[in-house]
PDB file of all heavy atoms in Angstrom:
ATOM      1  N   THR A   1      96.593 121.034  99.226  1.00  0.00           N
ATOM      2  CA  THR A   1      96.415 122.191 100.090  1.00  0.00           C
ATOM      3  C   THR A   1      95.200 123.023  99.608  1.00  0.00           C
ATOM      4  O   THR A   1      95.078 123.311  98.448  1.00  0.00           O
ATOM      5  CB  THR A   1      97.652 123.095 100.112  1.00  0.00           C
ATOM      6  OG1 THR A   1      98.790 122.370 100.500  1.00  0.00           O
ATOM      7  CG2 THR A   1      97.462 124.252 101.059  1.00  0.00           C
ATOM      8  N   PHE A   2      94.323 123.359 100.580  1.00  0.00           N
ATOM      9  CA  PHE A   2      93.194 124.244 100.320  1.00  0.00           C
ATOM     10  C   PHE A   2      93.414 125.520 101.130  1.00  0.00           C
ATOM     11  O   PHE A   2      93.627 125.459 102.333  1.00  0.00           O
ATOM     12  CB  PHE A   2      91.872 123.589 100.775  1.00  0.00           C
ATOM     13  CG  PHE A   2      91.466 122.433  99.948  1.00  0.00           C
ATOM     14  CD1 PHE A   2      91.698 121.125 100.407  1.00  0.00           C
ATOM     15  CD2 PHE A   2      90.821 122.560  98.738  1.00  0.00           C
ATOM     16  CE1 PHE A   2      91.323 120.014  99.642  1.00  0.00           C
ATOM     17  CE2 PHE A   2      90.422 121.496  97.963  1.00  0.00           C
ATOM     18  CZ  PHE A   2      90.685 120.212  98.426  1.00  0.00           C
ATOM     19  N   LEU A   3      93.309 126.658 100.495  1.00  0.00           N
ATOM     20  CA  LEU A   3      93.452 127.964 101.156  1.00  0.00           C
ATOM     21  C   LEU A   3      92.128 128.718 101.087  1.00  0.00           C
ATOM     22  O   LEU A   3      91.595 128.947 100.004  1.00  0.00           O
ATOM     23  CB  LEU A   3      94.543 128.789 100.488  1.00  0.00           C
ATOM     24  CG  LEU A   3      94.678 130.224 100.986  1.00  0.00           C
ATOM     25  CD1 LEU A   3      95.119 130.225 102.470  1.00  0.00           C
ATOM     26  CD2 LEU A   3      95.714 130.999 100.142  1.00  0.00           C
ATOM     27  N   PHE A   4      91.591 129.042 102.264  1.00  0.00           N
ATOM     28  CA  PHE A   4      90.343 129.813 102.364  1.00  0.00           C
ATOM     29  C   PHE A   4      90.685 131.237 102.787  1.00  0.00           C
ATOM     30  O   PHE A   4      91.533 131.444 103.667  1.00  0.00           O
ATOM     31  CB  PHE A   4      89.388 129.185 103.367  1.00  0.00           C
ATOM     32  CG  PHE A   4      88.859 127.845 102.930  1.00  0.00           C
ATOM     33  CD1 PHE A   4      89.557 126.663 103.246  1.00  0.00           C
ATOM     34  CD2 PHE A   4      87.657 127.756 102.224  1.00  0.00           C
ATOM     35  CE1 PHE A   4      89.060 125.459 102.842  1.00  0.00           C
ATOM     36  CE2 PHE A   4      87.168 126.516 101.813  1.00  0.00           C
ATOM     37  CZ  PHE A   4      87.863 125.375 102.131  1.00  0.00           C
ATOM     38  N   SER A   5      90.022 132.204 102.205  1.00  0.00           N
ATOM     39  CA  SER A   5      90.224 133.607 102.492  1.00  0.00           C
ATOM     40  C   SER A   5      88.903 134.223 102.936  1.00  0.00           C
ATOM     41  O   SER A   5      87.814 133.735 102.666  1.00  0.00           O
ATOM     42  CB  SER A   5      90.755 134.350 101.307  1.00  0.00           C
ATOM     43  OG  SER A   5      92.034 133.819 100.900  1.00  0.00           O
ATOM     44  N   MET A   6      89.056 135.363 103.638  1.00  0.00           N
ATOM     45  CA  MET A   6      87.866 136.060 104.185  1.00  0.00           C
ATOM     46  C   MET A   6      87.772 137.464 103.562  1.00  0.00           C
ATOM     47  O   MET A   6      88.786 138.133 103.396  1.00  0.00           O
ATOM     48  CB  MET A   6      87.952 136.193 105.712  1.00  0.00           C
ATOM     49  CG  MET A   6      86.810 136.991 106.334  1.00  0.00           C
ATOM     50  SD  MET A   6      87.214 137.542 108.012  1.00  0.00           S
ATOM     51  CE  MET A   6      87.461 136.000 108.849  1.00  0.00           C
ATOM     52  N   ASN A   7      86.535 137.834 103.230  1.00  0.00           N
ATOM     53  CA  ASN A   7      86.283 139.188 102.785  1.00  0.00           C
ATOM     54  C   ASN A   7      85.490 139.861 103.892  1.00  0.00           C
ATOM     55  O   ASN A   7      84.267 139.669 104.005  1.00  0.00           O
ATOM     56  CB  ASN A   7      85.497 139.197 101.463  1.00  0.00           C
ATOM     57  CG  ASN A   7      85.336 140.592 100.879  1.00  0.00           C
ATOM     58  OD1 ASN A   7      85.225 141.587 101.634  1.00  0.00           O
ATOM     59  ND2 ASN A   7      85.320 140.684  99.566  1.00  0.00           N
ATOM     60  N   ALA A   8      86.153 140.612 104.744  1.00  0.00           N
ATOM     61  CA  ALA A   8      85.507 141.224 105.916  1.00  0.00           C
ATOM     62  C   ALA A   8      84.428 142.231 105.510  1.00  0.00           C
ATOM     63  O   ALA A   8      83.451 142.409 106.216  1.00  0.00           O
ATOM     64  CB  ALA A   8      86.557 141.902 106.796  1.00  0.00           C
ATOM     65  N   THR A   9      84.618 142.871 104.369  1.00  0.00           N
ATOM     66  CA  THR A   9      83.635 143.872 103.916  1.00  0.00           C
ATOM     67  C   THR A   9      82.271 143.235 103.624  1.00  0.00           C
ATOM     68  O   THR A   9      81.223 143.779 104.032  1.00  0.00           O
ATOM     69  CB  THR A   9      84.136 144.595 102.655  1.00  0.00           C
ATOM     70  OG1 THR A   9      85.432 145.193 102.952  1.00  0.00           O
ATOM     71  CG2 THR A   9      83.165 145.668 102.218  1.00  0.00           C
ATOM     72  N   SER A  10      82.290 142.107 102.932  1.00  0.00           N
ATOM     73  CA  SER A  10      81.046 141.442 102.585  1.00  0.00           C
ATOM     74  C   SER A  10      80.656 140.333 103.551  1.00  0.00           C
ATOM     75  O   SER A  10      79.636 139.720 103.384  1.00  0.00           O
ATOM     76  CB  SER A  10      81.172 140.845 101.153  1.00  0.00           C
ATOM     77  OG  SER A  10      82.194 139.854 101.114  1.00  0.00           O
ATOM     78  N   SER A  11      81.516 140.104 104.569  1.00  0.00           N
ATOM     79  CA  SER A  11      81.306 139.015 105.535  1.00  0.00           C
ATOM     80  C   SER A  11      81.176 137.649 104.869  1.00  0.00           C
ATOM     81  O   SER A  11      80.285 136.836 105.197  1.00  0.00           O
ATOM     82  CB  SER A  11      80.075 139.308 106.387  1.00  0.00           C
ATOM     83  OG  SER A  11      80.235 140.491 107.145  1.00  0.00           O
ATOM     84  N   LYS A  12      81.997 137.431 103.855  1.00  0.00           N
ATOM     85  CA  LYS A  12      81.995 136.156 103.128  1.00  0.00           C
ATOM     86  C   LYS A  12      83.369 135.500 103.191  1.00  0.00           C
ATOM     87  O   LYS A  12      84.387 136.147 103.303  1.00  0.00           O
ATOM     88  CB  LYS A  12      81.644 136.413 101.643  1.00  0.00           C
ATOM     89  CG  LYS A  12      80.278 137.020 101.369  1.00  0.00           C
ATOM     90  CD  LYS A  12      79.191 135.978 101.575  1.00  0.00           C
ATOM     91  CE  LYS A  12      77.815 136.533 101.215  1.00  0.00           C
ATOM     92  NZ  LYS A  12      76.746 135.530 101.350  1.00  0.00           N
ATOM     93  N   PHE A  13      83.349 134.152 103.128  1.00  0.00           N
ATOM     94  CA  PHE A  13      84.590 133.400 102.946  1.00  0.00           C
ATOM     95  C   PHE A  13      84.509 132.693 101.626  1.00  0.00           C
ATOM     96  O   PHE A  13      83.421 132.449 101.073  1.00  0.00           O
ATOM     97  CB  PHE A  13      84.813 132.424 104.109  1.00  0.00           C
ATOM     98  CG  PHE A  13      83.828 131.316 104.188  1.00  0.00           C
ATOM     99  CD1 PHE A  13      83.963 130.174 103.391  1.00  0.00           C
ATOM    100  CD2 PHE A  13      82.732 131.358 105.051  1.00  0.00           C
ATOM    101  CE1 PHE A  13      83.040 129.146 103.455  1.00  0.00           C
ATOM    102  CE2 PHE A  13      81.815 130.329 105.132  1.00  0.00           C
ATOM    103  CZ  PHE A  13      81.967 129.187 104.319  1.00  0.00           C
ATOM    104  N   TYR A  14      85.669 132.224 101.115  1.00  0.00           N
ATOM    105  CA  TYR A  14      85.690 131.530  99.815  1.00  0.00           C
ATOM    106  C   TYR A  14      87.005 130.788  99.704  1.00  0.00           C
ATOM    107  O   TYR A  14      87.995 131.075 100.384  1.00  0.00           O
ATOM    108  CB  TYR A  14      85.528 132.492  98.639  1.00  0.00           C
ATOM    109  CG  TYR A  14      86.595 133.579  98.548  1.00  0.00           C
ATOM    110  CD1 TYR A  14      87.686 133.432  97.708  1.00  0.00           C
ATOM    111  CD2 TYR A  14      86.514 134.740  99.334  1.00  0.00           C
ATOM    112  CE1 TYR A  14      88.650 134.447  97.664  1.00  0.00           C
ATOM    113  CE2 TYR A  14      87.451 135.724  99.267  1.00  0.00           C
ATOM    114  CZ  TYR A  14      88.539 135.578  98.415  1.00  0.00           C
ATOM    115  OH  TYR A  14      89.511 136.539  98.374  1.00  0.00           O
ATOM    116  N   LEU A  15      87.000 129.751  98.830  1.00  0.00           N
ATOM    117  CA  LEU A  15      88.217 128.991  98.543  1.00  0.00           C
ATOM    118  C   LEU A  15      88.998 129.755  97.516  1.00  0.00           C
ATOM    119  O   LEU A  15      88.607 129.893  96.359  1.00  0.00           O
ATOM    120  CB  LEU A  15      87.878 127.593  98.010  1.00  0.00           C
ATOM    121  CG  LEU A  15      89.019 126.703  97.606  1.00  0.00           C
ATOM    122  CD1 LEU A  15      89.852 126.302  98.813  1.00  0.00           C
ATOM    123  CD2 LEU A  15      88.511 125.438  96.911  1.00  0.00           C
ATOM    124  N   SER A  16      90.172 130.284  97.940  1.00  0.00           N
ATOM    125  CA  SER A  16      90.982 131.131  97.036  1.00  0.00           C
ATOM    126  C   SER A  16      92.145 130.443  96.422  1.00  0.00           C
ATOM    127  O   SER A  16      92.740 130.948  95.459  1.00  0.00           O
ATOM    128  CB  SER A  16      91.464 132.362  97.840  1.00  0.00           C
ATOM    129  OG  SER A  16      92.254 131.955  98.944  1.00  0.00           O
ATOM    130  N   GLY A  17      92.555 129.306  96.956  1.00  0.00           N
ATOM    131  CA  GLY A  17      93.738 128.633  96.386  1.00  0.00           C
ATOM    132  C   GLY A  17      93.723 127.126  96.605  1.00  0.00           C
ATOM    133  O   GLY A  17      93.223 126.628  97.652  1.00  0.00           O
ATOM    134  N   VAL A  18      94.269 126.386  95.657  1.00  0.00           N
ATOM    135  CA  VAL A  18      94.442 124.931  95.740  1.00  0.00           C
ATOM    136  C   VAL A  18      95.788 124.575  95.144  1.00  0.00           C
ATOM    137  O   VAL A  18      96.167 125.101  94.095  1.00  0.00           O
ATOM    138  CB  VAL A  18      93.320 124.176  95.010  1.00  0.00           C
ATOM    139  CG1 VAL A  18      93.610 122.636  95.065  1.00  0.00           C
ATOM    140  CG2 VAL A  18      91.966 124.458  95.587  1.00  0.00           C
ATOM    141  N   SER A  19      96.542 123.727  95.852  1.00  0.00           N
ATOM    142  CA  SER A  19      97.843 123.300  95.360  1.00  0.00           C
ATOM    143  C   SER A  19      97.927 121.759  95.480  1.00  0.00           C
ATOM    144  O   SER A  19      97.405 121.195  96.429  1.00  0.00           O
ATOM    145  CB  SER A  19      98.996 123.915  96.180  1.00  0.00           C
ATOM    146  OG  SER A  19      98.946 125.351  96.052  1.00  0.00           O
ATOM    147  N   LEU A  20      98.619 121.165  94.516  1.00  0.00           N
ATOM    148  CA  LEU A  20      98.839 119.704  94.543  1.00  0.00           C
ATOM    149  C   LEU A  20     100.295 119.391  94.176  1.00  0.00           C
ATOM    150  O   LEU A  20     100.847 119.926  93.201  1.00  0.00           O
ATOM    151  CB  LEU A  20      97.932 119.037  93.533  1.00  0.00           C
ATOM    152  CG  LEU A  20      98.187 117.508  93.305  1.00  0.00           C
ATOM    153  CD1 LEU A  20      97.844 116.713  94.535  1.00  0.00           C
ATOM    154  CD2 LEU A  20      97.411 117.019  92.075  1.00  0.00           C
ATOM    155  N   ASN A  21     100.912 118.550  95.015  1.00  0.00           N
ATOM    156  CA  ASN A  21     102.213 118.004  94.685  1.00  0.00           C
ATOM    157  C   ASN A  21     102.128 116.469  94.899  1.00  0.00           C
ATOM    158  O   ASN A  21     101.667 116.025  95.978  1.00  0.00           O
ATOM    159  CB  ASN A  21     103.306 118.582  95.579  1.00  0.00           C
ATOM    160  CG  ASN A  21     103.639 120.015  95.240  1.00  0.00           C
ATOM    161  OD1 ASN A  21     104.325 120.259  94.239  1.00  0.00           O
ATOM    162  ND2 ASN A  21     103.132 120.970  96.008  1.00  0.00           N
ATOM    163  N   ALA A  22     102.511 115.732  93.910  1.00  0.00           N
ATOM    164  CA  ALA A  22     102.456 114.285  93.983  1.00  0.00           C
ATOM    165  C   ALA A  22     103.585 113.670  93.151  1.00  0.00           C
ATOM    166  O   ALA A  22     104.033 114.309  92.174  1.00  0.00           O
ATOM    167  CB  ALA A  22     101.102 113.738  93.520  1.00  0.00           C
ATOM    168  N   THR A  23     103.996 112.461  93.497  1.00  0.00           N
ATOM    169  CA  THR A  23     105.068 111.767  92.818  1.00  0.00           C
ATOM    170  C   THR A  23     104.546 110.465  92.293  1.00  0.00           C
ATOM    171  O   THR A  23     104.019 109.627  93.003  1.00  0.00           O
ATOM    172  CB  THR A  23     106.256 111.498  93.760  1.00  0.00           C
ATOM    173  OG1 THR A  23     106.719 112.751  94.269  1.00  0.00           O
ATOM    174  CG2 THR A  23     107.388 110.817  93.025  1.00  0.00           C
ATOM    175  N   ARG A  24     104.664 110.297  90.977  1.00  0.00           N
ATOM    176  CA  ARG A  24     104.349 109.039  90.339  1.00  0.00           C
ATOM    177  C   ARG A  24     105.644 108.383  89.835  1.00  0.00           C
ATOM    178  O   ARG A  24     106.657 109.068  89.687  1.00  0.00           O
ATOM    179  CB  ARG A  24     103.379 109.277  89.136  1.00  0.00           C
ATOM    180  CG  ARG A  24     101.962 109.530  89.539  1.00  0.00           C
ATOM    181  CD  ARG A  24     101.151 110.024  88.389  1.00  0.00           C
ATOM    182  NE  ARG A  24     101.473 109.414  87.102  1.00  0.00           N
ATOM    183  CZ  ARG A  24     100.658 108.571  86.443  1.00  0.00           C
ATOM    184  NH1 ARG A  24      99.486 108.248  86.967  1.00  0.00           N
ATOM    185  NH2 ARG A  24     100.967 108.100  85.253  1.00  0.00           N
ATOM    186  N   PRO A  25     105.625 107.099  89.559  1.00  0.00           N
ATOM    187  CA  PRO A  25     106.848 106.463  89.049  1.00  0.00           C
ATOM    188  C   PRO A  25     107.398 107.091  87.760  1.00  0.00           C
ATOM    189  O   PRO A  25     108.582 107.097  87.500  1.00  0.00           O
ATOM    190  CB  PRO A  25     106.422 105.001  88.806  1.00  0.00           C
ATOM    191  CG  PRO A  25     105.255 104.806  89.721  1.00  0.00           C
ATOM    192  CD  PRO A  25     104.543 106.129  89.785  1.00  0.00           C
ATOM    193  N   ASP A  26     106.454 107.645  86.933  1.00  0.00           N
ATOM    194  CA  ASP A  26     106.870 108.175  85.636  1.00  0.00           C
ATOM    195  C   ASP A  26     107.002 109.687  85.605  1.00  0.00           C
ATOM    196  O   ASP A  26     107.576 110.244  84.664  1.00  0.00           O
ATOM    197  CB  ASP A  26     105.884 107.738  84.554  1.00  0.00           C
ATOM    198  CG  ASP A  26     104.425 108.156  84.907  1.00  0.00           C
ATOM    199  OD1 ASP A  26     104.194 108.509  86.076  1.00  0.00           O
ATOM    200  OD2 ASP A  26     103.586 108.149  84.015  1.00  0.00           O
ATOM    201  N   THR A  27     106.509 110.392  86.625  1.00  0.00           N
ATOM    202  CA  THR A  27     106.574 111.881  86.588  1.00  0.00           C
ATOM    203  C   THR A  27     106.297 112.521  87.927  1.00  0.00           C
ATOM    204  O   THR A  27     105.804 111.828  88.868  1.00  0.00           O
ATOM    205  CB  THR A  27     105.550 112.420  85.558  1.00  0.00           C
ATOM    206  OG1 THR A  27     105.729 113.824  85.384  1.00  0.00           O
ATOM    207  CG2 THR A  27     104.134 112.191  86.065  1.00  0.00           C
ATOM    208  N   GLN A  28     106.639 113.776  88.041  1.00  0.00           N
ATOM    209  CA  GLN A  28     106.362 114.589  89.228  1.00  0.00           C
ATOM    210  C   GLN A  28     105.245 115.538  88.896  1.00  0.00           C
ATOM    211  O   GLN A  28     105.315 116.262  87.897  1.00  0.00           O
ATOM    212  CB  GLN A  28     107.620 115.370  89.658  1.00  0.00           C
ATOM    213  CG  GLN A  28     107.403 116.295  90.837  1.00  0.00           C
ATOM    214  CD  GLN A  28     107.241 115.571  92.157  1.00  0.00           C
ATOM    215  OE1 GLN A  28     107.800 114.523  92.356  1.00  0.00           O
ATOM    216  NE2 GLN A  28     106.452 116.156  93.046  1.00  0.00           N
ATOM    217  N   VAL A  29     104.179 115.553  89.703  1.00  0.00           N
ATOM    218  CA  VAL A  29     103.061 116.434  89.460  1.00  0.00           C
ATOM    219  C   VAL A  29     103.105 117.651  90.408  1.00  0.00           C
ATOM    220  O   VAL A  29     103.269 117.471  91.621  1.00  0.00           O
ATOM    221  CB  VAL A  29     101.744 115.659  89.670  1.00  0.00           C
ATOM    222  CG1 VAL A  29     100.520 116.589  89.528  1.00  0.00           C
ATOM    223  CG2 VAL A  29     101.632 114.493  88.703  1.00  0.00           C
ATOM    224  N   SER A  30     102.961 118.825  89.860  1.00  0.00           N
ATOM    225  CA  SER A  30     102.918 120.050  90.653  1.00  0.00           C
ATOM    226  C   SER A  30     101.969 121.021  89.970  1.00  0.00           C
ATOM    227  O   SER A  30     102.266 121.537  88.884  1.00  0.00           O
ATOM    228  CB  SER A  30     104.339 120.640  90.781  1.00  0.00           C
ATOM    229  OG  SER A  30     104.292 121.819  91.533  1.00  0.00           O
ATOM    230  N   GLU A  31     100.838 121.281  90.627  1.00  0.00           N
ATOM    231  CA  GLU A  31      99.822 122.187  90.094  1.00  0.00           C
ATOM    232  C   GLU A  31      99.294 123.122  91.196  1.00  0.00           C
ATOM    233  O   GLU A  31      99.149 122.677  92.351  1.00  0.00           O
ATOM    234  CB  GLU A  31      98.633 121.405  89.520  1.00  0.00           C
ATOM    235  CG  GLU A  31      98.970 120.435  88.391  1.00  0.00           C
ATOM    236  CD  GLU A  31      99.228 121.122  87.071  1.00  0.00           C
ATOM    237  OE1 GLU A  31      98.852 122.300  86.958  1.00  0.00           O
ATOM    238  OE2 GLU A  31      99.821 120.472  86.167  1.00  0.00           O
ATOM    239  N   SER A  32      99.047 124.361  90.880  1.00  0.00           N
ATOM    240  CA  SER A  32      98.533 125.276  91.878  1.00  0.00           C
ATOM    241  C   SER A  32      97.882 126.473  91.236  1.00  0.00           C
ATOM    242  O   SER A  32      98.190 126.837  90.076  1.00  0.00           O
ATOM    243  CB  SER A  32      99.638 125.762  92.821  1.00  0.00           C
ATOM    244  OG  SER A  32     100.567 126.559  92.138  1.00  0.00           O
ATOM    245  N   ASN A  33      96.915 127.078  91.960  1.00  0.00           N
ATOM    246  CA  ASN A  33      96.263 128.281  91.533  1.00  0.00           C
ATOM    247  C   ASN A  33      95.735 128.986  92.790  1.00  0.00           C
ATOM    248  O   ASN A  33      94.991 128.408  93.570  1.00  0.00           O
ATOM    249  CB  ASN A  33      95.110 127.971  90.603  1.00  0.00           C
ATOM    250  CG  ASN A  33      94.488 129.204  89.951  1.00  0.00           C
ATOM    251  OD1 ASN A  33      94.696 130.331  90.448  1.00  0.00           O
ATOM    252  ND2 ASN A  33      93.783 129.029  88.882  1.00  0.00           N
ATOM    253  N   HIS A  34      96.176 130.265  92.970  1.00  0.00           N
ATOM    254  CA  HIS A  34      95.761 131.009  94.154  1.00  0.00           C
ATOM    255  C   HIS A  34      94.900 132.210  93.755  1.00  0.00           C
ATOM    256  O   HIS A  34      94.919 133.250  94.458  1.00  0.00           O
ATOM    257  CB  HIS A  34      96.996 131.455  94.939  1.00  0.00           C
ATOM    258  CG  HIS A  34      97.661 130.322  95.658  1.00  0.00           C
ATOM    259  ND1 HIS A  34      98.604 129.535  95.021  1.00  0.00           N
ATOM    260  CD2 HIS A  34      97.523 129.823  96.907  1.00  0.00           C
ATOM    261  CE1 HIS A  34      99.016 128.591  95.873  1.00  0.00           C
ATOM    262  NE2 HIS A  34      98.381 128.753  97.017  1.00  0.00           N
ATOM    263  N   SER A  35      94.189 132.075  92.657  1.00  0.00           N
ATOM    264  CA  SER A  35      93.265 133.122  92.202  1.00  0.00           C
ATOM    265  C   SER A  35      91.881 132.564  91.983  1.00  0.00           C
ATOM    266  O   SER A  35      91.176 132.926  91.032  1.00  0.00           O
ATOM    267  CB  SER A  35      93.787 133.763  90.912  1.00  0.00           C
ATOM    268  OG  SER A  35      95.056 134.333  91.101  1.00  0.00           O
TER     269      SER A  35
END
């Protein structure tokens, strides 16, 4: 997942968050950052 946010004051957009969920035979992967 990619999350894009808008800063209306500066008229800029940016990528503010990325999340990953995946399943492997040996483990479950879950990583995210929204800052």
